């Protein structure tokens, strides 16, 4: 199998029809690879009567329930080749998913993330202010989803500072020094949505302080369920951070730890885009048929990245819709989507939502 063909194009350059032809071939090969290397996945394929000769498009690739990563350990490589284990977030008492990465998959994930992110903020490495504590990333072998995301972001940073101390309190000295050093040029503030809300915005608001982050790119993700339960919309969040911190550029994203390499970044038009390396399919919750543009249903995500475990085609527990294809005003090709949140009865499990559940 080779993913090199996917790196010959920009991450958002191919029209959907061309992308699907390329992706279908790769996903068929990945399905065969995982069926051969992972016993549990092979049993799944046999149980559903999968025949690759019947695959005409990405919608025909079997969708594996994301919850299965909580139920069993799934590997498509020998355990001794695993260099990193990523665990999903879960509230106390919940089982967590475990994803096993070998060197090839980890390197591919990093390359794919780099190509997507630099499309939004350019190739120059920028200073990063992380709205979290450095304690979160201490374990270098087994990563939580939150820690994994932070480590992934550090790869792109020219300099990294952690805004919170070991007690998860805002470190005012770090904030002042960072803005004094980097505030006059472009920089990135990265954090999960609820973390940014509680540990940056709320602390500044309660202290009656404002800061100048007008040159920042604020990258967030997750935590919207908790925000919504508090009666806050995404626009409320943006308005608050604009008022208190002067933020003008927001870069939210949708993704999940169970599928490395799949991040759907928010363009300036407010749309979440599927890149060349991943895609979204929406399925009817009753009969799992493919939904049309504008129809709400269950989100299925596919990716050409996961090779060390069978995470290339997953049925999530989220609800969403495809808003459009190839015609976003931002100029990026492919599908762009809207995520409506967790399906009813699905457990609270997002990185930021899980942390938020403590409050």
Protein backbone atom coordinates (compact mmCIF):
# COMPACT_ATOMS: atom_id res chain seq x y z
CA UNK A 1 0.00 0.00 0.00
CA UNK A 2 1.19 3.51 -0.70
CA UNK A 3 -0.19 6.85 0.38
CA UNK A 4 2.27 8.89 -1.69
CA UNK A 5 -0.30 9.61 -4.39
CA UNK A 6 -2.27 11.61 -1.84
CA UNK A 7 0.67 13.93 -1.24
CA UNK A 8 1.01 14.88 -4.90
CA UNK A 9 -1.99 17.22 -4.52
CA UNK A 10 -2.88 19.98 -2.10
CA UNK A 11 -5.13 18.85 0.77
CA UNK A 12 -8.18 20.65 -0.62
CA UNK A 13 -7.40 20.87 -4.34
CA UNK A 14 -9.14 17.83 -5.83
CA UNK A 15 -12.85 17.98 -6.75
CA UNK A 16 -14.93 15.41 -4.87
CA UNK A 17 -15.36 13.00 -7.81
CA UNK A 18 -11.60 12.73 -8.41
CA UNK A 19 -10.92 12.45 -4.69
CA UNK A 20 -13.43 9.61 -4.30
CA UNK A 21 -11.85 7.60 -7.12
CA UNK A 22 -8.45 7.87 -5.47
CA UNK A 23 -9.78 7.26 -1.98
CA UNK A 24 -11.96 4.27 -2.90
CA UNK A 25 -8.96 2.35 -4.23
CA UNK A 26 -6.95 3.07 -1.10
CA UNK A 27 -9.80 2.18 1.27
CA UNK A 28 -10.38 -1.15 -0.49
CA UNK A 29 -6.68 -1.95 0.02
CA UNK A 30 -6.82 -0.83 3.64
CA UNK A 31 -9.89 -2.97 4.31
CA UNK A 32 -8.09 -6.00 2.87
CA UNK A 33 -4.97 -5.18 4.90
CA UNK A 34 -6.85 -4.96 8.20
CA UNK A 35 -8.92 -8.04 7.35
CA UNK A 36 -5.71 -9.99 6.87
CA UNK A 37 -3.81 -8.63 9.87
CA UNK A 38 -6.53 -8.18 12.52
CA UNK A 39 -8.51 -11.30 13.49
CA UNK A 40 -11.37 -9.42 15.12
CA UNK A 41 -11.79 -7.17 12.08
CA UNK A 42 -11.68 -10.19 9.75
CA UNK A 43 -14.51 -11.77 11.74
CA UNK A 44 -16.48 -8.52 11.36
CA UNK A 45 -16.00 -8.55 7.58
CA UNK A 46 -17.06 -12.19 7.40
CA UNK A 47 -20.12 -11.53 9.55
CA UNK A 48 -21.42 -8.80 7.26
CA UNK A 49 -20.57 -10.74 4.09
CA UNK A 50 -18.19 -8.13 2.75
CA UNK A 51 -17.02 -8.59 -0.84
CA UNK A 52 -14.61 -6.00 -2.19
CA UNK A 53 -15.84 -6.70 -5.71
CA UNK A 54 -19.10 -4.97 -4.75
CA UNK A 55 -17.39 -1.72 -3.75
CA UNK A 56 -18.23 1.04 -6.23
CA UNK A 57 -17.46 4.03 -4.02
CA UNK A 58 -16.50 5.08 -0.50
CA UNK A 59 -20.10 4.58 0.62
CA UNK A 60 -19.65 0.83 0.08
CA UNK A 61 -16.70 0.50 2.46
CA UNK A 62 -17.86 -1.31 5.64
CA UNK A 63 -18.41 1.01 8.59
CA UNK A 64 -17.04 -0.27 11.89
CA UNK A 65 -18.83 1.01 15.04
CA UNK A 66 -16.50 3.38 16.88
CA UNK A 67 -17.66 1.90 20.19
CA UNK A 68 -15.86 -1.36 19.38
CA UNK A 69 -12.56 0.25 20.33
CA UNK A 70 -13.88 0.34 23.88
CA UNK A 71 -14.80 -3.34 23.80
CA UNK A 72 -11.60 -4.92 22.48
CA UNK A 73 -7.97 -4.31 21.58
CA UNK A 74 -7.64 -4.03 17.81
CA UNK A 75 -4.22 -4.17 16.14
CA UNK A 76 -3.11 -4.79 12.57
CA UNK A 77 0.60 -4.90 13.44
CA UNK A 78 2.61 -6.97 15.92
CA UNK A 79 2.40 -5.46 19.39
CA UNK A 80 6.17 -4.99 19.51
CA UNK A 81 5.87 -2.51 16.62
CA UNK A 82 3.53 -0.22 18.56
CA UNK A 83 5.35 2.97 19.57
CA UNK A 84 2.41 4.94 20.97
CA UNK A 85 -1.01 4.19 22.42
CA UNK A 86 -3.68 6.88 22.25
CA UNK A 87 -6.65 6.62 24.60
CA UNK A 88 -9.93 8.40 24.17
CA UNK A 89 -11.36 10.48 26.97
CA UNK A 90 -14.02 9.07 29.23
CA UNK A 91 -15.73 10.15 32.40
CA UNK A 92 -15.08 8.19 35.59
CA UNK A 93 -16.25 4.59 35.24
CA UNK A 94 -16.44 4.64 31.46
CA UNK A 95 -14.35 2.37 29.29
CA UNK A 96 -11.93 4.18 27.00
CA UNK A 97 -10.91 3.43 23.44
CA UNK A 98 -7.30 2.48 22.73
CA UNK A 99 -5.63 3.11 19.40
CA UNK A 100 -2.23 1.58 18.67
CA UNK A 101 0.18 3.44 16.41
CA UNK A 102 3.30 2.10 14.76
CA UNK A 103 5.98 4.32 13.23
CA UNK A 104 4.40 4.34 9.77
CA UNK A 105 0.96 5.38 11.01
CA UNK A 106 2.34 7.97 13.44
CA UNK A 107 4.53 9.51 10.73
CA UNK A 108 1.65 9.55 8.24
CA UNK A 109 -0.65 11.18 10.80
CA UNK A 110 1.90 13.91 11.41
CA UNK A 111 2.44 14.57 7.71
CA UNK A 112 -1.29 14.72 6.99
CA UNK A 113 -1.92 17.10 9.89
CA UNK A 114 0.93 19.33 8.73
CA UNK A 115 -0.45 19.61 5.20
CA UNK A 116 -3.93 20.48 6.43
CA UNK A 117 -2.90 23.00 9.08
CA UNK A 118 -0.34 24.81 6.95
CA UNK A 119 -3.04 25.30 4.31
CA UNK A 120 -4.81 27.47 6.89
CA UNK A 121 -1.93 29.32 8.57
CA UNK A 122 1.02 28.98 6.20
CA UNK A 123 4.25 27.02 6.33
CA UNK A 124 6.07 29.27 8.78
CA UNK A 125 6.38 27.84 12.30
CA UNK A 126 4.58 30.03 14.82
CA UNK A 127 4.77 30.50 18.61
CA UNK A 128 2.10 28.47 20.43
CA UNK A 129 0.34 29.29 23.68
CA UNK A 130 -1.29 26.09 24.97
CA UNK A 131 -4.32 26.53 27.24
CA UNK A 132 -3.42 23.51 29.37
CA UNK A 133 -0.83 22.32 31.84
CA UNK A 134 2.45 20.70 30.85
CA UNK A 135 1.53 17.90 33.27
CA UNK A 136 -0.98 16.70 30.68
CA UNK A 137 1.79 15.49 28.35
CA UNK A 138 4.18 13.92 30.86
CA UNK A 139 3.53 10.30 29.82
CA UNK A 140 5.30 9.87 26.47
CA UNK A 141 4.21 6.27 25.82
CA UNK A 142 0.48 6.25 26.55
CA UNK A 143 -1.29 9.46 25.58
CA UNK A 144 -4.74 10.67 26.43
CA UNK A 145 -6.55 12.18 23.45
CA UNK A 146 -5.95 15.62 24.94
CA UNK A 147 -2.24 15.00 25.40
CA UNK A 148 -1.94 13.54 21.92
CA UNK A 149 -3.52 16.64 20.40
CA UNK A 150 -1.18 18.92 22.34
CA UNK A 151 1.89 16.94 21.31
CA UNK A 152 0.72 17.05 17.72
CA UNK A 153 0.46 20.81 17.87
CA UNK A 154 3.91 21.17 19.45
CA UNK A 155 5.38 19.67 16.30
CA UNK A 156 4.36 22.80 14.38
CA UNK A 157 5.48 25.32 16.98
CA UNK A 158 8.54 27.54 16.91
CA UNK A 159 8.13 27.97 20.66
CA UNK A 160 5.59 26.48 23.06
CA UNK A 161 4.36 27.87 26.37
CA UNK A 162 1.76 26.31 28.67
CA UNK A 163 -0.70 28.84 30.06
CA UNK A 164 -1.83 26.76 33.06
CA UNK A 165 0.21 25.59 36.02
CA UNK A 166 0.07 22.14 37.62
CA UNK A 167 -3.08 23.12 39.52
CA UNK A 168 -4.84 24.07 36.25
CA UNK A 169 -4.70 27.76 37.17
CA UNK A 170 -3.87 30.53 34.75
CA UNK A 171 -0.22 31.54 35.07
CA UNK A 172 -0.33 35.31 34.67
CA UNK A 173 3.45 35.58 34.29
CA UNK A 174 3.43 33.13 31.37
CA UNK A 175 0.62 35.06 29.72
CA UNK A 176 2.32 38.43 30.15
CA UNK A 177 5.73 37.21 28.97
CA UNK A 178 4.31 35.39 25.95
CA UNK A 179 2.31 38.39 24.75
CA UNK A 180 5.22 40.74 25.38
CA UNK A 181 7.48 38.53 23.29
CA UNK A 182 5.13 37.42 20.51
CA UNK A 183 1.97 39.52 20.66
CA UNK A 184 2.99 41.91 17.87
CA UNK A 185 3.09 39.19 15.21
CA UNK A 186 1.05 36.13 14.34
CA UNK A 187 0.84 33.31 16.90
CA UNK A 188 -1.43 30.36 17.78
CA UNK A 189 -3.50 29.83 20.92
CA UNK A 190 -4.50 26.18 21.16
CA UNK A 191 -6.88 24.55 23.61
CA UNK A 192 -10.04 22.51 23.89
CA UNK A 193 -13.09 24.71 23.82
CA UNK A 194 -14.18 24.37 27.42
CA UNK A 195 -10.60 24.80 28.62
CA UNK A 196 -10.30 28.08 26.74
CA UNK A 197 -13.68 29.19 28.04
CA UNK A 198 -13.10 28.34 31.68
CA UNK A 199 -9.37 28.86 32.14
CA UNK A 200 -8.78 31.84 29.86
CA UNK A 201 -11.97 33.76 29.15
CA UNK A 202 -13.73 33.27 32.50
CA UNK A 203 -10.58 34.02 34.51
CA UNK A 204 -10.00 37.24 32.57
CA UNK A 205 -13.67 38.19 32.89
CA UNK A 206 -13.77 37.58 36.63
CA UNK A 207 -10.57 39.59 37.09
CA UNK A 208 -11.95 42.44 34.98
CA UNK A 209 -8.96 42.12 32.62
CA UNK A 210 -8.58 42.19 28.85
CA UNK A 211 -5.59 41.14 26.74
CA UNK A 212 -4.52 41.85 23.17
CA UNK A 213 -4.59 38.66 21.14
CA UNK A 214 -5.60 40.38 17.92
CA UNK A 215 -2.77 38.62 16.06
CA UNK A 216 -3.73 35.19 17.38
CA UNK A 217 -5.17 32.22 15.55
CA UNK A 218 -7.38 30.61 18.19
CA UNK A 219 -7.54 26.88 17.45
CA UNK A 220 -10.14 24.95 19.42
CA UNK A 221 -12.10 21.71 19.23
CA UNK A 222 -14.59 19.66 21.23
CA UNK A 223 -16.56 20.70 24.27
CA UNK A 224 -19.57 22.10 22.48
CA UNK A 225 -22.00 19.77 24.24
CA UNK A 226 -21.06 21.23 27.61
CA UNK A 227 -21.17 24.74 26.19
CA UNK A 228 -24.62 24.13 24.73
CA UNK A 229 -25.87 22.70 28.04
CA UNK A 230 -24.85 26.02 29.60
CA UNK A 231 -26.89 27.85 26.96
CA UNK A 232 -23.86 29.03 24.99
CA UNK A 233 -23.54 28.90 21.21
CA UNK A 234 -20.41 28.86 19.11
CA UNK A 235 -21.12 32.47 18.21
CA UNK A 236 -21.37 33.38 21.91
CA UNK A 237 -17.92 31.85 22.36
CA UNK A 238 -16.46 33.82 19.47
CA UNK A 239 -18.07 37.07 20.59
CA UNK A 240 -16.75 36.63 24.14
CA UNK A 241 -13.18 35.86 23.04
CA UNK A 242 -13.27 38.74 20.56
CA UNK A 243 -14.39 41.16 23.27
CA UNK A 244 -12.06 40.03 26.07
CA UNK A 245 -9.01 38.91 24.08
CA UNK A 246 -9.40 40.74 20.79
CA UNK A 247 -9.33 37.46 18.83
CA UNK A 248 -10.16 37.92 15.15
CA UNK A 249 -9.21 34.54 13.66
CA UNK A 250 -10.88 31.35 14.85
CA UNK A 251 -9.92 27.84 13.73
CA UNK A 252 -12.20 25.26 15.30
CA UNK A 253 -12.02 21.61 14.25
CA UNK A 254 -13.96 18.36 14.42
CA UNK A 255 -12.19 15.05 14.91
CA UNK A 256 -11.84 12.02 17.14
CA UNK A 257 -9.04 10.03 18.70
CA UNK A 258 -10.35 6.77 17.20
CA UNK A 259 -9.39 7.89 13.70
CA UNK A 260 -5.94 9.41 13.52
CA UNK A 261 -5.44 11.74 10.59
CA UNK A 262 -9.04 12.92 10.41
CA UNK A 263 -9.38 16.55 11.37
CA UNK A 264 -12.04 18.70 9.79
CA UNK A 265 -10.94 22.32 10.04
CA UNK A 266 -13.24 25.33 10.10
CA UNK A 267 -12.69 27.77 7.23
CA UNK A 268 -13.41 31.52 7.49
CA UNK A 269 -16.90 30.83 6.12
CA UNK A 270 -17.67 28.70 9.18
CA UNK A 271 -17.61 25.36 7.35
CA UNK A 272 -15.77 22.20 8.45
CA UNK A 273 -13.84 20.74 5.51
CA UNK A 274 -12.91 17.17 4.65
CA UNK A 275 -9.39 17.03 3.26
CA UNK A 276 -7.98 14.76 0.57
CA UNK A 277 -6.99 12.27 3.27
CA UNK A 278 -10.39 11.76 4.90
CA UNK A 279 -14.06 12.09 4.15
CA UNK A 280 -17.49 12.16 5.73
CA UNK A 281 -20.52 10.07 4.86
CA UNK A 282 -23.90 10.74 6.47
CA UNK A 283 -26.16 7.75 7.10
CA UNK A 284 -29.83 7.56 7.94
CA UNK A 285 -30.23 6.40 11.57
CA UNK A 286 -33.02 3.98 10.64
CA UNK A 287 -31.75 2.03 7.63
CA UNK A 288 -28.19 3.40 7.23
CA UNK A 289 -28.81 4.52 3.66
CA UNK A 290 -26.61 7.33 2.34
CA UNK A 291 -28.11 10.74 3.08
CA UNK A 292 -28.18 13.54 0.55
CA UNK A 293 -26.69 16.99 0.95
CA UNK A 294 -28.62 18.83 3.66
CA UNK A 295 -30.04 15.69 5.30
CA UNK A 296 -29.14 15.03 8.93
CA UNK A 297 -27.92 11.64 10.00
CA UNK A 298 -25.14 9.65 11.67
CA UNK A 299 -21.62 10.69 10.76
CA UNK A 300 -19.36 8.05 9.23
CA UNK A 301 -15.72 9.04 8.80
CA UNK A 302 -13.19 7.42 6.48
CA UNK A 303 -9.45 8.01 6.37
CA UNK A 304 -6.47 6.67 4.45
CA UNK A 305 -4.16 7.13 7.45
CA UNK A 306 -4.85 4.35 10.05
CA UNK A 307 -2.73 1.35 9.09
CA UNK A 308 -1.70 -0.09 12.45
CA UNK A 309 -5.31 -0.59 13.58
CA UNK A 310 -8.65 -0.86 11.69
CA UNK A 311 -9.79 2.74 12.11
CA UNK A 312 -10.11 3.66 8.43
CA UNK A 313 -13.92 3.58 8.28
CA UNK A 314 -15.89 4.29 11.45
CA UNK A 315 -19.51 4.91 12.28
CA UNK A 316 -19.43 7.60 14.97
CA UNK A 317 -21.96 8.52 17.63
CA UNK A 318 -22.34 12.04 16.26
CA UNK A 319 -25.05 13.66 14.18
CA UNK A 320 -24.28 15.91 11.25
CA UNK A 321 -24.95 16.81 7.64
CA UNK A 322 -23.09 17.58 4.44
CA UNK A 323 -23.66 21.27 3.73
CA UNK A 324 -22.13 21.35 0.27
CA UNK A 325 -19.59 19.85 -2.12
CA UNK A 326 -16.85 21.65 -4.10
CA UNK A 327 -18.55 25.04 -3.78
CA UNK A 328 -17.48 26.63 -0.50
CA UNK A 329 -16.75 30.35 -0.99
CA UNK A 330 -13.35 29.82 0.66
CA UNK A 331 -12.25 27.94 -2.47
CA UNK A 332 -11.49 24.57 -0.88
CA UNK A 333 -12.79 21.56 -2.82
CA UNK A 334 -14.54 18.49 -1.45
CA UNK A 335 -17.27 18.14 1.14
CA UNK A 336 -17.92 20.61 3.91
CA UNK A 337 -20.07 19.65 6.86
CA UNK A 338 -21.99 20.75 9.90
CA UNK A 339 -21.82 18.79 13.15
CA UNK A 340 -24.98 18.90 15.27
CA UNK A 341 -23.55 17.12 18.30
CA UNK A 342 -23.83 13.77 20.02
CA UNK A 343 -26.63 11.41 19.11
CA UNK A 344 -29.26 11.05 21.80
CA UNK A 345 -28.30 8.37 24.33
CA UNK A 346 -24.63 8.47 23.23
CA UNK A 347 -22.30 8.82 26.18
CA UNK A 348 -20.42 11.99 27.00
CA UNK A 349 -16.90 11.26 25.83
CA UNK A 350 -15.27 14.18 24.00
CA UNK A 351 -11.89 15.38 25.23
CA UNK A 352 -13.12 18.76 26.35
CA UNK A 353 -16.59 17.57 27.34
CA UNK A 354 -15.07 14.91 29.58
CA UNK A 355 -12.94 17.45 31.39
CA UNK A 356 -15.92 19.81 31.54
CA UNK A 357 -18.06 17.15 33.23
CA UNK A 358 -16.01 17.68 36.38
CA UNK A 359 -17.43 21.19 36.76
